[in-house]
Amino acid sequence: MPSSNPVWGHPWRWYWLALVVVVLDIASKVWAVDMFMHGPSMQIIPGLLQFTYAENYGAAFSFLSDAGGGSGGFSELLPLYLALLSVFGYGACRQQSAGNPVPWH
């Protein structure tokens, strides 16, 4: 039975949900940096939960950062490429399973 709400009943609802999650993620990171970068830690539940600002300079976060030659752009574009590949690959599999030809064949 189709939903009566045109926004949340449509397949695009997942893109809207993803957009909301990304915006909330970015907003929470901006808030955390503003609150904790130069300030003290915040006790949420004493003895159990405390917010403290920390930076991670580990290998996963500095991948190709000192290689030079635009490799920083590579590490930024690779996740975008993989996301697009998964979306279009999924669409192609659905088309092929429905008996429709895949556009790039």
N, C-alpha and C. Protein backbone atom coordinates (compact mmCIF):
# COMPACT_ATOMS: atom_id res chain seq x y z
N MET A 1 0.84 -1.17 0.00
CA MET A 1 0.00 0.00 0.00
C MET A 1 0.89 1.24 0.00
N PRO A 2 0.74 2.13 -0.96
CA PRO A 2 1.59 3.32 -1.02
C PRO A 2 1.30 4.26 0.14
N SER A 3 2.35 4.93 0.55
CA SER A 3 2.23 5.90 1.64
C SER A 3 1.49 7.13 1.14
N SER A 4 0.70 7.75 2.05
CA SER A 4 -0.03 8.94 1.67
C SER A 4 0.86 10.18 1.68
N ASN A 5 1.98 10.11 2.37
CA ASN A 5 2.91 11.24 2.42
C ASN A 5 3.83 11.18 1.21
N PRO A 6 3.81 12.20 0.33
CA PRO A 6 4.59 12.13 -0.90
C PRO A 6 6.10 12.18 -0.68
N VAL A 7 6.56 12.75 0.44
CA VAL A 7 8.01 12.85 0.67
C VAL A 7 8.56 11.55 1.24
N TRP A 8 7.97 11.06 2.33
CA TRP A 8 8.52 9.87 3.01
C TRP A 8 8.08 8.57 2.35
N GLY A 9 7.11 8.60 1.46
CA GLY A 9 6.71 7.40 0.77
C GLY A 9 7.48 7.17 -0.52
N HIS A 10 8.27 8.12 -0.92
CA HIS A 10 9.02 8.07 -2.17
C HIS A 10 10.40 7.45 -1.93
N PRO A 11 10.97 6.76 -2.91
CA PRO A 11 12.31 6.19 -2.72
C PRO A 11 13.39 7.23 -2.38
N TRP A 12 13.15 8.48 -2.71
CA TRP A 12 14.14 9.51 -2.39
C TRP A 12 14.23 9.77 -0.89
N ARG A 13 13.34 9.17 -0.11
CA ARG A 13 13.36 9.41 1.34
C ARG A 13 14.71 9.02 1.94
N TRP A 14 15.36 8.03 1.35
CA TRP A 14 16.66 7.59 1.87
C TRP A 14 17.73 8.63 1.60
N TYR A 15 17.62 9.34 0.46
CA TYR A 15 18.57 10.41 0.19
C TYR A 15 18.35 11.57 1.15
N TRP A 16 17.09 11.88 1.46
CA TRP A 16 16.80 12.93 2.43
C TRP A 16 17.32 12.54 3.80
N LEU A 17 17.12 11.29 4.17
CA LEU A 17 17.61 10.82 5.46
C LEU A 17 19.14 10.90 5.51
N ALA A 18 19.80 10.49 4.43
CA ALA A 18 21.26 10.57 4.38
C ALA A 18 21.73 12.02 4.49
N LEU A 19 21.03 12.93 3.82
CA LEU A 19 21.38 14.34 3.89
C LEU A 19 21.24 14.88 5.32
N VAL A 20 20.17 14.51 5.99
CA VAL A 20 19.96 14.94 7.38
C VAL A 20 21.07 14.39 8.27
N VAL A 21 21.45 13.14 8.08
CA VAL A 21 22.52 12.53 8.89
C VAL A 21 23.84 13.25 8.64
N VAL A 22 24.16 13.55 7.39
CA VAL A 22 25.41 14.24 7.07
C VAL A 22 25.42 15.64 7.68
N VAL A 23 24.31 16.36 7.57
CA VAL A 23 24.24 17.71 8.13
C VAL A 23 24.38 17.67 9.65
N LEU A 24 23.72 16.72 10.32
CA LEU A 24 23.86 16.59 11.77
C LEU A 24 25.28 16.21 12.16
N ASP A 25 25.93 15.36 11.37
CA ASP A 25 27.31 14.98 11.63
C ASP A 25 28.24 16.18 11.55
N ILE A 26 28.10 16.97 10.49
CA ILE A 26 28.95 18.15 10.32
C ILE A 26 28.68 19.16 11.44
N ALA A 27 27.41 19.38 11.76
CA ALA A 27 27.06 20.32 12.82
C ALA A 27 27.62 19.88 14.16
N SER A 28 27.57 18.60 14.46
CA SER A 28 28.11 18.12 15.73
C SER A 28 29.63 18.27 15.78
N LYS A 29 30.31 18.09 14.65
CA LYS A 29 31.77 18.26 14.63
C LYS A 29 32.15 19.72 14.80
N VAL A 30 31.42 20.62 14.16
CA VAL A 30 31.68 22.05 14.31
C VAL A 30 31.46 22.46 15.76
N TRP A 31 30.37 21.97 16.35
CA TRP A 31 30.08 22.27 17.76
C TRP A 31 31.19 21.76 18.67
N ALA A 32 31.64 20.53 18.44
CA ALA A 32 32.68 19.94 19.30
C ALA A 32 33.98 20.72 19.20
N VAL A 33 34.37 21.10 18.00
CA VAL A 33 35.61 21.85 17.84
C VAL A 33 35.48 23.21 18.51
N ASP A 34 34.35 23.89 18.33
CA ASP A 34 34.15 25.20 18.96
C ASP A 34 34.15 25.11 20.48
N MET A 35 33.56 24.07 21.02
CA MET A 35 33.43 23.94 22.48
C MET A 35 34.70 23.44 23.15
N PHE A 36 35.42 22.53 22.51
CA PHE A 36 36.46 21.80 23.23
C PHE A 36 37.88 22.03 22.75
N MET A 37 38.07 22.68 21.61
CA MET A 37 39.43 22.81 21.09
C MET A 37 40.33 23.61 22.03
N HIS A 38 39.82 24.68 22.57
CA HIS A 38 40.63 25.52 23.45
C HIS A 38 40.05 25.59 24.86
N GLY A 39 39.12 24.74 25.16
CA GLY A 39 38.47 24.79 26.46
C GLY A 39 38.66 23.50 27.22
N PRO A 40 38.08 23.46 28.41
CA PRO A 40 38.21 22.25 29.24
C PRO A 40 37.27 21.14 28.76
N SER A 41 37.48 19.97 29.31
CA SER A 41 36.59 18.84 29.04
C SER A 41 35.24 19.10 29.69
N MET A 42 34.22 18.38 29.22
CA MET A 42 32.88 18.54 29.78
C MET A 42 32.44 17.20 30.38
N GLN A 43 32.11 17.22 31.66
CA GLN A 43 31.60 16.03 32.31
C GLN A 43 30.11 15.90 31.98
N ILE A 44 29.72 14.81 31.35
CA ILE A 44 28.32 14.57 31.04
C ILE A 44 27.70 13.75 32.17
N ILE A 45 28.27 12.60 32.43
CA ILE A 45 27.89 11.77 33.57
C ILE A 45 29.18 11.54 34.36
N PRO A 46 29.32 12.21 35.51
CA PRO A 46 30.58 12.13 36.27
C PRO A 46 31.02 10.69 36.52
N GLY A 47 32.29 10.45 36.20
CA GLY A 47 32.86 9.13 36.38
C GLY A 47 32.52 8.13 35.28
N LEU A 48 31.66 8.53 34.32
CA LEU A 48 31.25 7.59 33.28
C LEU A 48 31.43 8.15 31.88
N LEU A 49 31.01 9.41 31.65
CA LEU A 49 31.05 9.98 30.30
C LEU A 49 31.59 11.40 30.36
N GLN A 50 32.62 11.64 29.56
CA GLN A 50 33.26 12.96 29.51
C GLN A 50 33.65 13.26 28.07
N PHE A 51 33.35 14.49 27.60
CA PHE A 51 33.76 14.93 26.27
C PHE A 51 35.09 15.65 26.38
N THR A 52 36.06 15.21 25.58
CA THR A 52 37.38 15.83 25.54
C THR A 52 37.80 15.93 24.09
N TYR A 53 38.39 17.07 23.71
CA TYR A 53 38.86 17.26 22.33
C TYR A 53 40.18 16.53 22.14
N ALA A 54 40.28 15.75 21.08
CA ALA A 54 41.52 15.05 20.74
C ALA A 54 41.62 14.96 19.22
N GLU A 55 42.82 15.02 18.70
CA GLU A 55 43.06 14.86 17.27
C GLU A 55 43.83 13.58 17.05
N ASN A 56 43.49 12.88 15.97
CA ASN A 56 44.15 11.63 15.64
C ASN A 56 45.00 11.85 14.39
N TYR A 57 46.28 11.70 14.53
CA TYR A 57 47.20 11.87 13.40
C TYR A 57 47.68 10.52 12.88
N GLY A 58 46.91 9.48 13.10
CA GLY A 58 47.27 8.14 12.69
C GLY A 58 47.28 7.97 11.18
N ALA A 59 47.70 6.81 10.74
CA ALA A 59 47.88 6.54 9.31
C ALA A 59 46.58 6.69 8.52
N ALA A 60 45.47 6.26 9.08
CA ALA A 60 44.20 6.33 8.35
C ALA A 60 43.77 7.77 8.10
N PHE A 61 44.14 8.68 8.97
CA PHE A 61 43.71 10.06 8.84
C PHE A 61 44.72 10.92 8.10
N SER A 62 45.91 10.40 7.87
CA SER A 62 46.91 11.18 7.14
C SER A 62 47.34 10.46 5.87
N PHE A 63 46.49 9.63 5.33
CA PHE A 63 46.79 8.85 4.14
C PHE A 63 47.22 9.76 2.99
N LEU A 64 48.41 9.61 2.53
CA LEU A 64 48.99 10.35 1.41
C LEU A 64 49.05 11.87 1.64
N SER A 65 48.96 12.33 2.88
CA SER A 65 48.94 13.77 3.12
C SER A 65 50.30 14.41 2.86
N ASP A 66 51.38 13.67 3.01
CA ASP A 66 52.70 14.26 2.79
C ASP A 66 53.36 13.76 1.50
N ALA A 67 52.60 13.10 0.63
CA ALA A 67 53.17 12.56 -0.61
C ALA A 67 53.35 13.64 -1.67
N GLY A 68 52.59 14.73 -1.59
CA GLY A 68 52.71 15.80 -2.58
C GLY A 68 52.10 15.41 -3.91
N GLY A 69 52.06 16.34 -4.83
CA GLY A 69 51.58 16.06 -6.19
C GLY A 69 50.08 15.86 -6.29
N GLY A 70 49.32 16.42 -5.39
CA GLY A 70 47.86 16.30 -5.49
C GLY A 70 47.30 15.00 -4.97
N SER A 71 48.09 14.22 -4.25
CA SER A 71 47.58 12.95 -3.74
C SER A 71 46.54 13.16 -2.65
N GLY A 72 46.51 14.34 -2.03
CA GLY A 72 45.46 14.64 -1.07
C GLY A 72 44.11 14.65 -1.76
N GLY A 73 44.05 15.15 -2.98
CA GLY A 73 42.81 15.12 -3.75
C GLY A 73 42.38 13.70 -4.05
N PHE A 74 43.34 12.82 -4.27
CA PHE A 74 43.03 11.41 -4.51
C PHE A 74 42.32 10.81 -3.31
N SER A 75 42.83 11.08 -2.12
CA SER A 75 42.22 10.50 -0.92
C SER A 75 40.86 11.12 -0.63
N GLU A 76 40.58 12.28 -1.19
CA GLU A 76 39.26 12.89 -1.03
C GLU A 76 38.28 12.41 -2.10
N LEU A 77 38.77 12.15 -3.30
CA LEU A 77 37.90 11.74 -4.40
C LEU A 77 37.61 10.24 -4.41
N LEU A 78 38.49 9.44 -3.83
CA LEU A 78 38.29 8.00 -3.83
C LEU A 78 36.97 7.59 -3.16
N PRO A 79 36.62 8.10 -1.98
CA PRO A 79 35.33 7.72 -1.39
C PRO A 79 34.14 8.16 -2.24
N LEU A 80 34.24 9.33 -2.86
CA LEU A 80 33.16 9.79 -3.74
C LEU A 80 32.99 8.84 -4.92
N TYR A 81 34.10 8.45 -5.52
CA TYR A 81 34.07 7.50 -6.64
C TYR A 81 33.44 6.18 -6.21
N LEU A 82 33.82 5.67 -5.05
CA LEU A 82 33.28 4.39 -4.58
C LEU A 82 31.79 4.49 -4.28
N ALA A 83 31.35 5.63 -3.74
CA ALA A 83 29.93 5.81 -3.47
C ALA A 83 29.13 5.84 -4.78
N LEU A 84 29.62 6.58 -5.76
CA LEU A 84 28.93 6.65 -7.05
C LEU A 84 28.92 5.29 -7.74
N LEU A 85 30.03 4.58 -7.65
CA LEU A 85 30.11 3.25 -8.24
C LEU A 85 29.08 2.32 -7.61
N SER A 86 28.92 2.39 -6.29
CA SER A 86 27.96 1.50 -5.64
C SER A 86 26.53 1.87 -6.00
N VAL A 87 26.22 3.16 -6.11
CA VAL A 87 24.86 3.59 -6.46
C VAL A 87 24.53 3.17 -7.90
N PHE A 88 25.42 3.48 -8.84
CA PHE A 88 25.14 3.15 -10.24
C PHE A 88 25.25 1.64 -10.49
N GLY A 89 26.13 0.97 -9.78
CA GLY A 89 26.22 -0.48 -9.91
C GLY A 89 24.96 -1.16 -9.42
N TYR A 90 24.41 -0.66 -8.32
CA TYR A 90 23.15 -1.20 -7.80
C TYR A 90 22.02 -0.97 -8.79
N GLY A 91 21.97 0.22 -9.37
CA GLY A 91 20.94 0.52 -10.36
C GLY A 91 21.06 -0.37 -11.59
N ALA A 92 22.29 -0.62 -12.01
CA ALA A 92 22.50 -1.49 -13.17
C ALA A 92 22.07 -2.92 -12.87
N CYS A 93 22.34 -3.40 -11.67
CA CYS A 93 21.92 -4.75 -11.30
C CYS A 93 20.40 -4.86 -11.28
N ARG A 94 19.74 -3.81 -10.79
CA ARG A 94 18.27 -3.83 -10.77
C ARG A 94 17.71 -3.80 -12.18
N GLN A 95 18.32 -3.01 -13.07
CA GLN A 95 17.84 -2.96 -14.46
C GLN A 95 18.04 -4.31 -15.13
N GLN A 96 19.19 -4.89 -14.91
CA GLN A 96 19.50 -6.16 -15.56
C GLN A 96 18.59 -7.27 -15.03
N SER A 97 18.31 -7.27 -13.74
CA SER A 97 17.43 -8.30 -13.19
C SER A 97 15.98 -8.12 -13.65
N ALA A 98 15.61 -6.89 -14.04
CA ALA A 98 14.26 -6.63 -14.55
C ALA A 98 14.18 -6.91 -16.05
N GLY A 99 15.29 -7.29 -16.66
CA GLY A 99 15.28 -7.62 -18.07
C GLY A 99 15.60 -6.43 -18.98
N ASN A 100 15.91 -5.29 -18.41
CA ASN A 100 16.27 -4.11 -19.19
C ASN A 100 17.76 -4.14 -19.49
N PRO A 101 18.17 -3.66 -20.64
CA PRO A 101 19.61 -3.63 -20.93
C PRO A 101 20.31 -2.57 -20.08
N VAL A 102 21.52 -2.89 -19.70
CA VAL A 102 22.34 -1.95 -18.93
C VAL A 102 22.89 -0.91 -19.91
N PRO A 103 22.83 0.39 -19.59
CA PRO A 103 23.18 1.44 -20.55
C PRO A 103 24.59 1.34 -21.14
N TRP A 104 25.55 0.82 -20.41
CA TRP A 104 26.92 0.84 -20.93
C TRP A 104 27.34 -0.47 -21.60
N HIS A 105 26.38 -1.33 -21.90
CA HIS A 105 26.70 -2.58 -22.62
C HIS A 105 26.49 -2.40 -24.10
